[in-house]
Amino acid sequence: PGLEREWVASIFVTGTTNFADSVKGRFTISRDSAKNTVYL
C-alpha cells in the first residue's frame, strides 16, 4: 500500500531466471510445465 509495484523475479522460456536485489538469495522462481505453473 502506498508504494509502486516492483519487480521481484522472472523466468524466461529458456529457463533463465533473474531476481531483484531485495530478494536475491531468499526467493527462487521455478516452473512445472506439466501443470502450466510457475512458482515463487
All heavy atoms as atom14 arrays in JSON, in Angstrom:
{
  "sequence": "PGLEREWVASIFVTGTTNFADSVKGRFTISRDSAKNTVYL",
  "atom14_mask": [
    [1, 1, 1, 1, 1, 1, 1, 0, 0, 0, 0, 0, 0, 0],
    [1, 1, 1, 1, 0, 0, 0, 0, 0, 0, 0, 0, 0, 0],
    [1, 1, 1, 1, 1, 1, 1, 1, 0, 0, 0, 0, 0, 0],
    [1, 1, 1, 1, 1, 1, 1, 1, 1, 0, 0, 0, 0, 0],
    [1, 1, 1, 1, 1, 1, 1, 1, 1, 1, 1, 0, 0, 0],
    [1, 1, 1, 1, 1, 1, 1, 1, 1, 0, 0, 0, 0, 0],
    [1, 1, 1, 1, 1, 1, 1, 1, 1, 1, 1, 1, 1, 1],
    [1, 1, 1, 1, 1, 1, 1, 0, 0, 0, 0, 0, 0, 0],
    [1, 1, 1, 1, 1, 0, 0, 0, 0, 0, 0, 0, 0, 0],
    [1, 1, 1, 1, 1, 1, 0, 0, 0, 0, 0, 0, 0, 0],
    [1, 1, 1, 1, 1, 1, 1, 1, 0, 0, 0, 0, 0, 0],
    [1, 1, 1, 1, 1, 1, 1, 1, 1, 1, 1, 0, 0, 0],
    [1, 1, 1, 1, 1, 1, 1, 0, 0, 0, 0, 0, 0, 0],
    [1, 1, 1, 1, 1, 1, 1, 0, 0, 0, 0, 0, 0, 0],
    [1, 1, 1, 1, 0, 0, 0, 0, 0, 0, 0, 0, 0, 0],
    [1, 1, 1, 1, 1, 1, 1, 0, 0, 0, 0, 0, 0, 0],
    [1, 1, 1, 1, 1, 1, 1, 0, 0, 0, 0, 0, 0, 0],
    [1, 1, 1, 1, 1, 1, 1, 1, 0, 0, 0, 0, 0, 0],
    [1, 1, 1, 1, 1, 1, 1, 1, 1, 1, 1, 0, 0, 0],
    [1, 1, 1, 1, 1, 0, 0, 0, 0, 0, 0, 0, 0, 0],
    [1, 1, 1, 1, 1, 1, 1, 1, 0, 0, 0, 0, 0, 0],
    [1, 1, 1, 1, 1, 1, 0, 0, 0, 0, 0, 0, 0, 0],
    [1, 1, 1, 1, 1, 1, 1, 0, 0, 0, 0, 0, 0, 0],
    [1, 1, 1, 1, 1, 1, 1, 1, 1, 0, 0, 0, 0, 0],
    [1, 1, 1, 1, 0, 0, 0, 0, 0, 0, 0, 0, 0, 0],
    [1, 1, 1, 1, 1, 1, 1, 1, 1, 1, 1, 0, 0, 0],
    [1, 1, 1, 1, 1, 1, 1, 1, 1, 1, 1, 0, 0, 0],
    [1, 1, 1, 1, 1, 1, 1, 0, 0, 0, 0, 0, 0, 0],
    [1, 1, 1, 1, 1, 1, 1, 1, 0, 0, 0, 0, 0, 0],
    [1, 1, 1, 1, 1, 1, 0, 0, 0, 0, 0, 0, 0, 0],
    [1, 1, 1, 1, 1, 1, 1, 1, 1, 1, 1, 0, 0, 0],
    [1, 1, 1, 1, 1, 1, 1, 1, 0, 0, 0, 0, 0, 0],
    [1, 1, 1, 1, 1, 1, 0, 0, 0, 0, 0, 0, 0, 0],
    [1, 1, 1, 1, 1, 0, 0, 0, 0, 0, 0, 0, 0, 0],
    [1, 1, 1, 1, 1, 1, 1, 1, 1, 0, 0, 0, 0, 0],
    [1, 1, 1, 1, 1, 1, 1, 1, 0, 0, 0, 0, 0, 0],
    [1, 1, 1, 1, 1, 1, 1, 0, 0, 0, 0, 0, 0, 0],
    [1, 1, 1, 1, 1, 1, 1, 0, 0, 0, 0, 0, 0, 0],
    [1, 1, 1, 1, 1, 1, 1, 1, 1, 1, 1, 1, 0, 0],
    [1, 1, 1, 1, 1, 1, 1, 1, 0, 0, 0, 0, 0, 0]
  ],
  "atom14_positions": [
    [[0.82, -1.22, 0.0], [0.0, 0.0, 0.0], [0.85, 1.26, 0.0], [1.79, 1.39, 0.79], [-0.81, -0.12, 1.29], [-0.89, -1.59, 1.54], [0.43, -2.13, 1.08], [0.0, 0.0, 0.0], [0.0, 0.0, 0.0], [0.0, 0.0, 0.0], [0.0, 0.0, 0.0], [0.0, 0.0, 0.0], [0.0, 0.0, 0.0], [0.0, 0.0, 0.0]],
    [[0.52, 2.18, -0.89], [1.23, 3.44, -0.97], [2.54, 3.4, -1.72], [3.2, 4.44, -1.86], [0.0, 0.0, 0.0], [0.0, 0.0, 0.0], [0.0, 0.0, 0.0], [0.0, 0.0, 0.0], [0.0, 0.0, 0.0], [0.0, 0.0, 0.0], [0.0, 0.0, 0.0], [0.0, 0.0, 0.0], [0.0, 0.0, 0.0], [0.0, 0.0, 0.0]],
    [[2.94, 2.23, -2.19], [4.2, 2.08, -2.9], [3.97, 1.65, -4.34], [2.9, 1.13, -4.68], [5.1, 1.06, -2.19], [5.49, 1.37, -0.75], [6.36, 0.26, -0.18], [6.21, 2.71, -0.66], [0.0, 0.0, 0.0], [0.0, 0.0, 0.0], [0.0, 0.0, 0.0], [0.0, 0.0, 0.0], [0.0, 0.0, 0.0], [0.0, 0.0, 0.0]],
    [[4.98, 1.85, -5.15], [4.91, 1.41, -6.53], [5.01, -0.11, -6.62], [5.61, -0.76, -5.76], [6.04, 2.03, -7.35], [5.95, 3.53, -7.53], [7.06, 4.06, -8.42], [8.1, 3.4, -8.52], [6.87, 5.13, -9.01], [0.0, 0.0, 0.0], [0.0, 0.0, 0.0], [0.0, 0.0, 0.0], [0.0, 0.0, 0.0], [0.0, 0.0, 0.0]],
    [[4.43, -0.65, -7.66], [4.61, -2.06, -7.92], [6.05, -2.31, -8.34], [6.6, -1.57, -9.17], [3.65, -2.52, -9.02], [3.67, -4.01, -9.27], [2.59, -4.43, -10.26], [1.26, -4.11, -9.77], [0.14, -4.41, -10.4], [0.18, -5.05, -11.56], [-1.03, -4.07, -9.88], [0.0, 0.0, 0.0], [0.0, 0.0, 0.0], [0.0, 0.0, 0.0]],
    [[6.66, -3.31, -7.75], [8.06, -3.59, -8.05], [8.23, -5.01, -8.57], [7.53, -5.94, -8.16], [8.95, -3.37, -6.82], [8.68, -4.31, -5.67], [9.68, -4.17, -4.54], [10.78, -3.6, -4.76], [9.38, -4.62, -3.42], [0.0, 0.0, 0.0], [0.0, 0.0, 0.0], [0.0, 0.0, 0.0], [0.0, 0.0, 0.0], [0.0, 0.0, 0.0]],
    [[9.18, -5.16, -9.44], [9.53, -6.46, -9.97], [10.29, -7.27, -8.93], [11.14, -6.75, -8.22], [10.39, -6.28, -11.23], [11.06, -7.52, -11.69], [10.49, -8.59, -12.31], [12.46, -7.82, -11.58], [11.45, -9.54, -12.6], [12.65, -9.09, -12.16], [13.55, -7.13, -11.05], [13.91, -9.68, -12.22], [14.8, -7.72, -11.11], [14.97, -8.98, -11.69]],
    [[9.98, -8.55, -8.87], [10.6, -9.44, -7.89], [11.48, -10.49, -8.56], [12.64, -10.66, -8.19], [9.53, -10.15, -7.03], [10.16, -11.18, -6.11], [8.75, -9.12, -6.21], [0.0, 0.0, 0.0], [0.0, 0.0, 0.0], [0.0, 0.0, 0.0], [0.0, 0.0, 0.0], [0.0, 0.0, 0.0], [0.0, 0.0, 0.0], [0.0, 0.0, 0.0]],
    [[10.93, -11.2, -9.54], [11.67, -12.29, -10.17], [11.06, -12.6, -11.53], [9.88, -12.34, -11.76], [11.65, -13.55, -9.29], [0.0, 0.0, 0.0], [0.0, 0.0, 0.0], [0.0, 0.0, 0.0], [0.0, 0.0, 0.0], [0.0, 0.0, 0.0], [0.0, 0.0, 0.0], [0.0, 0.0, 0.0], [0.0, 0.0, 0.0], [0.0, 0.0, 0.0]],
    [[11.87, -13.18, -12.41], [11.41, -13.56, -13.74], [12.02, -14.89, -14.13], [13.13, -15.23, -13.71], [11.8, -12.52, -14.79], [11.19, -11.28, -14.55], [0.0, 0.0, 0.0], [0.0, 0.0, 0.0], [0.0, 0.0, 0.0], [0.0, 0.0, 0.0], [0.0, 0.0, 0.0], [0.0, 0.0, 0.0], [0.0, 0.0, 0.0], [0.0, 0.0, 0.0]],
    [[11.29, -15.61, -14.95], [11.83, -16.8, -15.59], [11.44, -16.75, -17.06], [10.28, -16.49, -17.41], [11.34, -18.1, -14.91], [12.01, -19.32, -15.55], [9.82, -18.22, -14.94], [11.87, -20.6, -14.73], [0.0, 0.0, 0.0], [0.0, 0.0, 0.0], [0.0, 0.0, 0.0], [0.0, 0.0, 0.0], [0.0, 0.0, 0.0], [0.0, 0.0, 0.0]],
    [[12.41, -16.96, -17.93], [12.19, -16.88, -19.36], [11.97, -18.28, -19.93], [12.24, -19.28, -19.27], [13.37, -16.19, -20.04], [13.52, -14.76, -19.63], [14.24, -14.42, -18.5], [12.92, -13.75, -20.36], [14.38, -13.1, -18.1], [13.04, -12.42, -19.98], [13.78, -12.11, -18.84], [0.0, 0.0, 0.0], [0.0, 0.0, 0.0], [0.0, 0.0, 0.0]],
    [[11.48, -18.32, -21.15], [11.17, -19.6, -21.77], [12.41, -20.48, -21.86], [12.3, -21.71, -21.86], [10.51, -19.39, -23.15], [11.52, -18.83, -24.15], [9.89, -20.68, -23.66], [0.0, 0.0, 0.0], [0.0, 0.0, 0.0], [0.0, 0.0, 0.0], [0.0, 0.0, 0.0], [0.0, 0.0, 0.0], [0.0, 0.0, 0.0], [0.0, 0.0, 0.0]],
    [[13.57, -19.88, -21.91], [14.83, -20.61, -21.94], [15.18, -21.23, -20.6], [16.07, -22.08, -20.53], [15.98, -19.7, -22.37], [16.09, -18.61, -21.44], [15.74, -19.15, -23.76], [0.0, 0.0, 0.0], [0.0, 0.0, 0.0], [0.0, 0.0, 0.0], [0.0, 0.0, 0.0], [0.0, 0.0, 0.0], [0.0, 0.0, 0.0], [0.0, 0.0, 0.0]],
    [[14.53, -20.79, -19.54], [14.85, -21.24, -18.21], [15.69, -20.26, -17.42], [15.91, -20.46, -16.22], [0.0, 0.0, 0.0], [0.0, 0.0, 0.0], [0.0, 0.0, 0.0], [0.0, 0.0, 0.0], [0.0, 0.0, 0.0], [0.0, 0.0, 0.0], [0.0, 0.0, 0.0], [0.0, 0.0, 0.0], [0.0, 0.0, 0.0], [0.0, 0.0, 0.0]],
    [[16.18, -19.23, -18.06], [16.96, -18.21, -17.38], [16.11, -17.5, -16.33], [14.95, -17.17, -16.58], [17.5, -17.19, -18.38], [18.35, -17.86, -19.31], [18.28, -16.09, -17.68], [0.0, 0.0, 0.0], [0.0, 0.0, 0.0], [0.0, 0.0, 0.0], [0.0, 0.0, 0.0], [0.0, 0.0, 0.0], [0.0, 0.0, 0.0], [0.0, 0.0, 0.0]],
    [[16.68, -17.27, -15.17], [15.98, -16.59, -14.09], [16.73, -15.35, -13.65], [17.95, -15.26, -13.77], [15.79, -17.52, -12.87], [17.07, -17.93, -12.38], [14.98, -18.75, -13.25], [0.0, 0.0, 0.0], [0.0, 0.0, 0.0], [0.0, 0.0, 0.0], [0.0, 0.0, 0.0], [0.0, 0.0, 0.0], [0.0, 0.0, 0.0], [0.0, 0.0, 0.0]],
    [[15.98, -14.39, -13.12], [16.55, -13.17, -12.58], [15.77, -12.77, -11.34], [14.58, -13.03, -11.24], [16.51, -12.03, -13.6], [17.48, -12.23, -14.74], [18.68, -12.04, -14.58], [16.96, -12.61, -15.89], [0.0, 0.0, 0.0], [0.0, 0.0, 0.0], [0.0, 0.0, 0.0], [0.0, 0.0, 0.0], [0.0, 0.0, 0.0], [0.0, 0.0, 0.0]],
    [[16.47, -12.1, -10.41], [15.86, -11.71, -9.15], [16.22, -10.29, -8.8], [17.32, -9.81, -9.08], [16.33, -12.63, -8.02], [15.99, -14.07, -8.23], [16.87, -14.92, -8.87], [14.79, -14.58, -7.79], [16.56, -16.25, -9.07], [14.46, -15.91, -7.99], [15.35, -16.74, -8.63], [0.0, 0.0, 0.0], [0.0, 0.0, 0.0], [0.0, 0.0, 0.0]],
    [[15.29, -9.62, -8.14], [15.58, -8.31, -7.58], [16.57, -8.45, -6.44], [16.59, -9.46, -5.73], [14.3, -7.65, -7.08], [0.0, 0.0, 0.0], [0.0, 0.0, 0.0], [0.0, 0.0, 0.0], [0.0, 0.0, 0.0], [0.0, 0.0, 0.0], [0.0, 0.0, 0.0], [0.0, 0.0, 0.0], [0.0, 0.0, 0.0], [0.0, 0.0, 0.0]],
    [[17.41, -7.44, -6.26], [18.41, -7.49, -5.2], [17.79, -7.71, -3.83], [18.38, -8.36, -2.96], [19.24, -6.21, -5.19], [20.18, -6.11, -6.37], [20.47, -7.14, -7.0], [20.65, -4.99, -6.65], [0.0, 0.0, 0.0], [0.0, 0.0, 0.0], [0.0, 0.0, 0.0], [0.0, 0.0, 0.0], [0.0, 0.0, 0.0], [0.0, 0.0, 0.0]],
    [[16.6, -7.17, -3.62], [15.97, -7.25, -2.31], [15.58, -8.67, -1.92], [15.37, -8.95, -0.73], [14.73, -6.35, -2.27], [13.8, -6.73, -3.27], [0.0, 0.0, 0.0], [0.0, 0.0, 0.0], [0.0, 0.0, 0.0], [0.0, 0.0, 0.0], [0.0, 0.0, 0.0], [0.0, 0.0, 0.0], [0.0, 0.0, 0.0], [0.0, 0.0, 0.0]],
    [[15.46, -9.57, -2.89], [15.04, -10.93, -2.59], [16.08, -11.96, -2.98], [15.9, -13.16, -2.69], [13.7, -11.27, -3.27], [12.64, -10.25, -2.9], [13.86, -11.36, -4.78], [0.0, 0.0, 0.0], [0.0, 0.0, 0.0], [0.0, 0.0, 0.0], [0.0, 0.0, 0.0], [0.0, 0.0, 0.0], [0.0, 0.0, 0.0], [0.0, 0.0, 0.0]],
    [[17.15, -11.54, -3.6], [18.17, -12.47, -4.06], [18.75, -13.26, -2.89], [19.09, -12.7, -1.85], [19.27, -11.69, -4.78], [20.2, -12.55, -5.63], [21.13, -11.66, -6.47], [20.34, -10.8, -7.44], [21.23, -9.96, -8.29], [0.0, 0.0, 0.0], [0.0, 0.0, 0.0], [0.0, 0.0, 0.0], [0.0, 0.0, 0.0], [0.0, 0.0, 0.0]],
    [[18.83, -14.56, -3.08], [19.32, -15.43, -2.03], [18.24, -15.95, -1.11], [18.48, -16.88, -0.34], [0.0, 0.0, 0.0], [0.0, 0.0, 0.0], [0.0, 0.0, 0.0], [0.0, 0.0, 0.0], [0.0, 0.0, 0.0], [0.0, 0.0, 0.0], [0.0, 0.0, 0.0], [0.0, 0.0, 0.0], [0.0, 0.0, 0.0], [0.0, 0.0, 0.0]],
    [[17.05, -15.36, -1.17], [15.94, -15.79, -0.33], [14.8, -16.39, -1.15], [14.13, -17.3, -0.68], [15.4, -14.63, 0.5], [16.42, -14.03, 1.46], [15.77, -13.01, 2.38], [15.24, -11.86, 1.65], [13.96, -11.48, 1.66], [13.07, -12.17, 2.38], [13.56, -10.41, 0.98], [0.0, 0.0, 0.0], [0.0, 0.0, 0.0], [0.0, 0.0, 0.0]],
    [[14.57, -15.85, -2.33], [13.48, -16.31, -3.19], [14.03, -17.09, -4.36], [15.13, -16.82, -4.86], [12.68, -15.12, -3.74], [11.87, -14.35, -2.73], [12.02, -14.54, -1.37], [10.94, -13.41, -3.18], [11.27, -13.82, -0.45], [10.18, -12.69, -2.28], [10.34, -12.88, -0.92], [0.0, 0.0, 0.0], [0.0, 0.0, 0.0], [0.0, 0.0, 0.0]],
    [[13.25, -18.05, -4.83], [13.56, -18.76, -6.05], [12.31, -18.83, -6.92], [11.19, -18.87, -6.41], [14.11, -20.18, -5.8], [13.14, -20.93, -5.06], [15.41, -20.13, -5.03], [0.0, 0.0, 0.0], [0.0, 0.0, 0.0], [0.0, 0.0, 0.0], [0.0, 0.0, 0.0], [0.0, 0.0, 0.0], [0.0, 0.0, 0.0], [0.0, 0.0, 0.0]],
    [[12.52, -18.84, -8.22], [11.42, -18.99, -9.16], [11.66, -20.27, -9.96], [12.79, -20.56, -10.36], [11.28, -17.75, -10.08], [10.02, -17.84, -10.94], [12.52, -17.54, -10.93], [9.69, -16.53, -11.65], [0.0, 0.0, 0.0], [0.0, 0.0, 0.0], [0.0, 0.0, 0.0], [0.0, 0.0, 0.0], [0.0, 0.0, 0.0], [0.0, 0.0, 0.0]],
    [[10.61, -21.03, -10.18], [10.73, -22.28, -10.89], [9.45, -22.55, -11.67], [8.47, -21.81, -11.55], [11.02, -23.44, -9.92], [9.98, -23.59, -8.98], [0.0, 0.0, 0.0], [0.0, 0.0, 0.0], [0.0, 0.0, 0.0], [0.0, 0.0, 0.0], [0.0, 0.0, 0.0], [0.0, 0.0, 0.0], [0.0, 0.0, 0.0], [0.0, 0.0, 0.0]],
    [[9.46, -23.6, -12.46], [8.3, -23.91, -13.29], [8.04, -25.4, -13.33], [8.94, -26.22, -13.17], [8.5, -23.37, -14.71], [9.66, -24.03, -15.45], [9.99, -23.31, -16.73], [11.09, -23.95, -17.45], [11.72, -23.42, -18.48], [11.37, -22.22, -18.93], [12.71, -24.08, -19.06], [0.0, 0.0, 0.0], [0.0, 0.0, 0.0], [0.0, 0.0, 0.0]],
    [[6.78, -25.74, -13.58], [6.35, -27.11, -13.79], [5.54, -27.09, -15.07], [4.37, -26.71, -15.07], [5.52, -27.6, -12.61], [5.13, -29.07, -12.74], [5.13, -29.6, -13.86], [4.84, -29.69, -11.7], [0.0, 0.0, 0.0], [0.0, 0.0, 0.0], [0.0, 0.0, 0.0], [0.0, 0.0, 0.0], [0.0, 0.0, 0.0], [0.0, 0.0, 0.0]],
    [[6.15, -27.49, -16.17], [5.5, -27.38, -17.47], [4.25, -28.27, -17.57], [3.29, -27.91, -18.25], [6.49, -27.74, -18.58], [6.97, -29.06, -18.43], [0.0, 0.0, 0.0], [0.0, 0.0, 0.0], [0.0, 0.0, 0.0], [0.0, 0.0, 0.0], [0.0, 0.0, 0.0], [0.0, 0.0, 0.0], [0.0, 0.0, 0.0], [0.0, 0.0, 0.0]],
    [[4.27, -29.42, -16.88], [3.12, -30.32, -16.93], [1.88, -29.69, -16.32], [0.75, -30.06, -16.67], [3.44, -31.62, -16.23], [0.0, 0.0, 0.0], [0.0, 0.0, 0.0], [0.0, 0.0, 0.0], [0.0, 0.0, 0.0], [0.0, 0.0, 0.0], [0.0, 0.0, 0.0], [0.0, 0.0, 0.0], [0.0, 0.0, 0.0], [0.0, 0.0, 0.0]],
    [[2.06, -28.74, -15.42], [0.95, -28.08, -14.75], [0.74, -26.65, -15.23], [-0.11, -25.94, -14.69], [1.17, -28.07, -13.24], [1.23, -29.45, -12.61], [1.46, -29.37, -11.11], [1.48, -30.75, -10.48], [1.72, -30.69, -9.01], [0.0, 0.0, 0.0], [0.0, 0.0, 0.0], [0.0, 0.0, 0.0], [0.0, 0.0, 0.0], [0.0, 0.0, 0.0]],
    [[1.5, -26.23, -16.24], [1.43, -24.85, -16.73], [1.57, -23.85, -15.6], [0.89, -22.83, -15.56], [0.1, -24.6, -17.47], [-0.02, -25.37, -18.75], [0.95, -25.92, -19.26], [-1.24, -25.42, -19.29], [0.0, 0.0, 0.0], [0.0, 0.0, 0.0], [0.0, 0.0, 0.0], [0.0, 0.0, 0.0], [0.0, 0.0, 0.0], [0.0, 0.0, 0.0]],
    [[2.49, -24.13, -14.7], [2.57, -23.37, -13.46], [3.98, -22.88, -13.18], [4.96, -23.6, -13.41], [2.07, -24.23, -12.28], [0.7, -24.56, -12.48], [2.2, -23.48, -10.96], [0.0, 0.0, 0.0], [0.0, 0.0, 0.0], [0.0, 0.0, 0.0], [0.0, 0.0, 0.0], [0.0, 0.0, 0.0], [0.0, 0.0, 0.0], [0.0, 0.0, 0.0]],
    [[4.06, -21.66, -12.69], [5.3, -21.07, -12.21], [5.17, -20.83, -10.72], [4.1, -20.43, -10.24], [5.63, -19.77, -12.96], [6.77, -19.03, -12.29], [5.97, -20.07, -14.41], [0.0, 0.0, 0.0], [0.0, 0.0, 0.0], [0.0, 0.0, 0.0], [0.0, 0.0, 0.0], [0.0, 0.0, 0.0], [0.0, 0.0, 0.0], [0.0, 0.0, 0.0]],
    [[6.24, -21.08, -9.99], [6.24, -20.95, -8.54], [7.21, -19.87, -8.09], [8.22, -19.6, -8.73], [6.64, -22.27, -7.88], [5.77, -23.43, -8.25], [6.15, -24.31, -9.25], [4.56, -23.65, -7.59], [5.35, -25.39, -9.59], [3.76, -24.73, -7.93], [4.15, -25.59, -8.93], [3.35, -26.66, -9.27], [0.0, 0.0, 0.0], [0.0, 0.0, 0.0]],
    [[6.89, -19.27, -6.96], [7.81, -18.4, -6.27], [7.98, -18.94, -4.85], [7.05, -18.85, -4.05], [7.32, -16.95, -6.23], [8.27, -15.95, -5.59], [9.51, -15.76, -6.47], [7.58, -14.61, -5.35], [0.0, 0.0, 0.0], [0.0, 0.0, 0.0], [0.0, 0.0, 0.0], [0.0, 0.0, 0.0], [0.0, 0.0, 0.0], [0.0, 0.0, 0.0]]
  ]
}
